[in-house]
Amino acid sequence: MRPTGHPDLFAARGDRFKRPASAEMVPRFLNALQGRGWVAGAVVAQELGSNLRTVRAAAHESGGLILGGDKGYALTTQASLEDVTAVVNRHYSQARQMRARAMQIEKVRHGTVSTGDAA
């Protein structure tokens, strides 16, 4: 049973139009972070009346204005250069890993790697 007022994220069953609108949350998210440094995701979610998944999606929809990391969320313009660099490097690392996985999948799909060789 979910708490009253929380959207049922699984009710959409793949229909993105039935999911909570994370893009609409961005202005409130920006205001919530103003002048606060890093704020834990759970705190932001509670303050915005949302959940961690939607908060994460809103950060993604922010066009780079909101940083997300181990420390929680912060405004990019108010974070230290070290924090911004760490987040950017993490994203590049994840992108490299995802690209490598995609290439492995393509190799299997094209039959250049058998299922026994992929392990």
C-alpha atoms as a PDB file:
ATOM      1  CA  MET A   1       0.000   0.000   0.000  1.00  0.00           C
ATOM      2  CA  ARG A   2       1.405   3.402  -0.968  1.00  0.00           C
ATOM      3  CA  PRO A   3       0.978   6.557   1.115  1.00  0.00           C
ATOM      4  CA  THR A   4      -1.923   8.846   0.247  1.00  0.00           C
ATOM      5  CA  GLY A   5      -1.044  11.443  -2.358  1.00  0.00           C
ATOM      6  CA  HIS A   6       1.773   9.463  -3.943  1.00  0.00           C
ATOM      7  CA  PRO A   7       1.337   8.530  -7.591  1.00  0.00           C
ATOM      8  CA  ASP A   8       1.301   4.871  -8.523  1.00  0.00           C
ATOM      9  CA  LEU A   9       4.353   4.637 -10.788  1.00  0.00           C
ATOM     10  CA  PHE A  10       3.495   1.121 -11.906  1.00  0.00           C
ATOM     11  CA  ALA A  11      -0.065   1.922 -12.974  1.00  0.00           C
ATOM     12  CA  ALA A  12       1.230   3.442 -16.220  1.00  0.00           C
ATOM     13  CA  ARG A  13       2.667   0.117 -17.424  1.00  0.00           C
ATOM     14  CA  GLY A  14       4.911   1.804 -19.966  1.00  0.00           C
ATOM     15  CA  ASP A  15       2.608   4.714 -20.822  1.00  0.00           C
ATOM     16  CA  ARG A  16       4.790   7.754 -20.173  1.00  0.00           C
ATOM     17  CA  PHE A  17       1.754  10.052 -20.271  1.00  0.00           C
ATOM     18  CA  LYS A  18       0.352   8.414 -17.133  1.00  0.00           C
ATOM     19  CA  ARG A  19       3.568   8.825 -15.130  1.00  0.00           C
ATOM     20  CA  PRO A  20       4.133  11.774 -12.766  1.00  0.00           C
ATOM     21  CA  ALA A  21       5.263  14.803 -14.780  1.00  0.00           C
ATOM     22  CA  SER A  22       8.874  15.279 -13.716  1.00  0.00           C
ATOM     23  CA  ALA A  23       9.491  18.187 -16.120  1.00  0.00           C
ATOM     24  CA  GLU A  24       6.756  20.171 -14.377  1.00  0.00           C
ATOM     25  CA  MET A  25       8.617  19.685 -11.090  1.00  0.00           C
ATOM     26  CA  VAL A  26      11.859  21.324 -12.291  1.00  0.00           C
ATOM     27  CA  PRO A  27      11.035  24.951 -11.298  1.00  0.00           C
ATOM     28  CA  ARG A  28      10.005  23.860  -7.775  1.00  0.00           C
ATOM     29  CA  PHE A  29      13.095  21.643  -7.586  1.00  0.00           C
ATOM     30  CA  LEU A  30      15.343  24.581  -8.516  1.00  0.00           C
ATOM     31  CA  ASN A  31      13.706  26.734  -5.833  1.00  0.00           C
ATOM     32  CA  ALA A  32      14.058  23.972  -3.240  1.00  0.00           C
ATOM     33  CA  LEU A  33      17.816  23.757  -3.846  1.00  0.00           C
ATOM     34  CA  GLN A  34      18.485  27.505  -3.950  1.00  0.00           C
ATOM     35  CA  GLY A  35      21.250  28.405  -1.496  1.00  0.00           C
ATOM     36  CA  ARG A  36      21.240  25.013   0.246  1.00  0.00           C
ATOM     37  CA  GLY A  37      24.250  23.236  -1.227  1.00  0.00           C
ATOM     38  CA  TRP A  38      23.772  19.477  -1.455  1.00  0.00           C
ATOM     39  CA  VAL A  39      20.379  18.171  -0.311  1.00  0.00           C
ATOM     40  CA  ALA A  40      19.638  14.473   0.165  1.00  0.00           C
ATOM     41  CA  GLY A  41      17.285  12.961  -2.393  1.00  0.00           C
ATOM     42  CA  ALA A  42      14.866  11.741   0.274  1.00  0.00           C
ATOM     43  CA  VAL A  43      14.640  15.252   1.718  1.00  0.00           C
ATOM     44  CA  VAL A  44      13.980  16.783  -1.721  1.00  0.00           C
ATOM     45  CA  ALA A  45      11.381  14.128  -2.514  1.00  0.00           C
ATOM     46  CA  GLN A  46       9.561  14.775   0.751  1.00  0.00           C
ATOM     47  CA  GLU A  47       9.652  18.550   0.310  1.00  0.00           C
ATOM     48  CA  LEU A  48       8.329  18.286  -3.256  1.00  0.00           C
ATOM     49  CA  GLY A  49       5.705  15.687  -2.320  1.00  0.00           C
ATOM     50  CA  SER A  50       7.216  13.190  -4.702  1.00  0.00           C
ATOM     51  CA  ASN A  51       9.451  10.113  -4.743  1.00  0.00           C
ATOM     52  CA  LEU A  52      13.091   9.414  -5.533  1.00  0.00           C
ATOM     53  CA  ARG A  53      12.427   8.126  -9.052  1.00  0.00           C
ATOM     54  CA  THR A  54      10.531  11.260 -10.067  1.00  0.00           C
ATOM     55  CA  VAL A  55      13.123  13.517  -8.411  1.00  0.00           C
ATOM     56  CA  ARG A  56      15.863  11.753 -10.383  1.00  0.00           C
ATOM     57  CA  ALA A  57      13.855  12.205 -13.584  1.00  0.00           C
ATOM     58  CA  ALA A  58      13.330  15.904 -12.821  1.00  0.00           C
ATOM     59  CA  ALA A  59      17.079  16.381 -12.336  1.00  0.00           C
ATOM     60  CA  HIS A  60      17.559  14.734 -15.735  1.00  0.00           C
ATOM     61  CA  GLU A  61      14.965  17.101 -17.249  1.00  0.00           C
ATOM     62  CA  SER A  62      16.681  20.188 -15.784  1.00  0.00           C
ATOM     63  CA  GLY A  63      18.998  20.725 -18.743  1.00  0.00           C
ATOM     64  CA  GLY A  64      22.102  20.482 -16.584  1.00  0.00           C
ATOM     65  CA  LEU A  65      20.914  22.964 -13.961  1.00  0.00           C
ATOM     66  CA  ILE A  66      20.675  20.276 -11.259  1.00  0.00           C
ATOM     67  CA  LEU A  67      23.525  17.957 -10.289  1.00  0.00           C
ATOM     68  CA  GLY A  68      22.802  14.545  -8.850  1.00  0.00           C
ATOM     69  CA  GLY A  69      25.294  12.383  -7.031  1.00  0.00           C
ATOM     70  CA  ASP A  70      26.163  10.473  -3.890  1.00  0.00           C
ATOM     71  CA  LYS A  71      25.653  13.638  -1.840  1.00  0.00           C
ATOM     72  CA  GLY A  72      22.136  14.165  -3.168  1.00  0.00           C
ATOM     73  CA  TYR A  73      21.195  17.099  -5.406  1.00  0.00           C
ATOM     74  CA  ALA A  74      22.628  20.598  -5.842  1.00  0.00           C
ATOM     75  CA  LEU A  75      22.394  23.478  -8.264  1.00  0.00           C
ATOM     76  CA  THR A  76      25.206  23.258 -10.792  1.00  0.00           C
ATOM     77  CA  THR A  77      25.886  26.993 -10.526  1.00  0.00           C
ATOM     78  CA  GLN A  78      26.258  26.747  -6.740  1.00  0.00           C
ATOM     79  CA  ALA A  79      28.350  23.571  -6.544  1.00  0.00           C
ATOM     80  CA  SER A  80      32.122  23.563  -6.257  1.00  0.00           C
ATOM     81  CA  LEU A  81      34.211  23.026  -9.376  1.00  0.00           C
ATOM     82  CA  GLU A  82      35.396  19.730  -7.867  1.00  0.00           C
ATOM     83  CA  ASP A  83      31.823  18.520  -7.371  1.00  0.00           C
ATOM     84  CA  VAL A  84      30.790  19.513 -10.895  1.00  0.00           C
ATOM     85  CA  THR A  85      33.854  17.784 -12.344  1.00  0.00           C
ATOM     86  CA  ALA A  86      33.173  14.622 -10.337  1.00  0.00           C
ATOM     87  CA  VAL A  87      29.564  14.449 -11.562  1.00  0.00           C
ATOM     88  CA  VAL A  88      30.571  15.115 -15.175  1.00  0.00           C
ATOM     89  CA  ASN A  89      33.297  12.458 -15.023  1.00  0.00           C
ATOM     90  CA  ARG A  90      30.841   9.952 -13.554  1.00  0.00           C
ATOM     91  CA  HIS A  91      28.411  10.605 -16.419  1.00  0.00           C
ATOM     92  CA  TYR A  92      31.161  10.165 -19.013  1.00  0.00           C
ATOM     93  CA  SER A  93      32.250   6.924 -17.348  1.00  0.00           C
ATOM     94  CA  GLN A  94      28.693   5.599 -17.324  1.00  0.00           C
ATOM     95  CA  ALA A  95      28.304   6.600 -20.971  1.00  0.00           C
ATOM     96  CA  ARG A  96      31.458   4.651 -21.905  1.00  0.00           C
ATOM     97  CA  GLN A  97      30.164   1.585 -20.061  1.00  0.00           C
ATOM     98  CA  MET A  98      26.757   1.828 -21.715  1.00  0.00           C
ATOM     99  CA  ARG A  99      28.340   2.249 -25.156  1.00  0.00           C
ATOM    100  CA  ALA A 100      30.543  -0.817 -24.594  1.00  0.00           C
ATOM    101  CA  ARG A 101      27.487  -2.846 -23.569  1.00  0.00           C
ATOM    102  CA  ALA A 102      25.559  -1.655 -26.629  1.00  0.00           C
ATOM    103  CA  MET A 103      28.446  -2.711 -28.851  1.00  0.00           C
ATOM    104  CA  GLN A 104      28.506  -6.162 -27.209  1.00  0.00           C
ATOM    105  CA  ILE A 105      24.785  -6.527 -27.850  1.00  0.00           C
ATOM    106  CA  GLU A 106      25.245  -5.524 -31.484  1.00  0.00           C
ATOM    107  CA  LYS A 107      28.004  -8.116 -31.902  1.00  0.00           C
ATOM    108  CA  VAL A 108      25.732 -10.847 -30.568  1.00  0.00           C
ATOM    109  CA  ARG A 109      22.850  -9.654 -32.731  1.00  0.00           C
ATOM    110  CA  HIS A 110      25.007  -9.731 -35.855  1.00  0.00           C
ATOM    111  CA  GLY A 111      26.327 -13.164 -35.009  1.00  0.00           C
ATOM    112  CA  THR A 112      29.950 -12.140 -34.570  1.00  0.00           C
ATOM    113  CA  VAL A 113      29.900 -13.506 -31.012  1.00  0.00           C
ATOM    114  CA  SER A 114      28.165 -16.702 -29.979  1.00  0.00           C
ATOM    115  CA  THR A 115      26.371 -16.947 -26.652  1.00  0.00           C
ATOM    116  CA  GLY A 116      29.204 -19.116 -25.332  1.00  0.00           C
ATOM    117  CA  ASP A 117      31.824 -16.498 -26.283  1.00  0.00           C
ATOM    118  CA  ALA A 118      29.981 -13.548 -24.712  1.00  0.00           C
ATOM    119  CA  ALA A 119      30.510 -14.691 -21.134  1.00  0.00           C
END
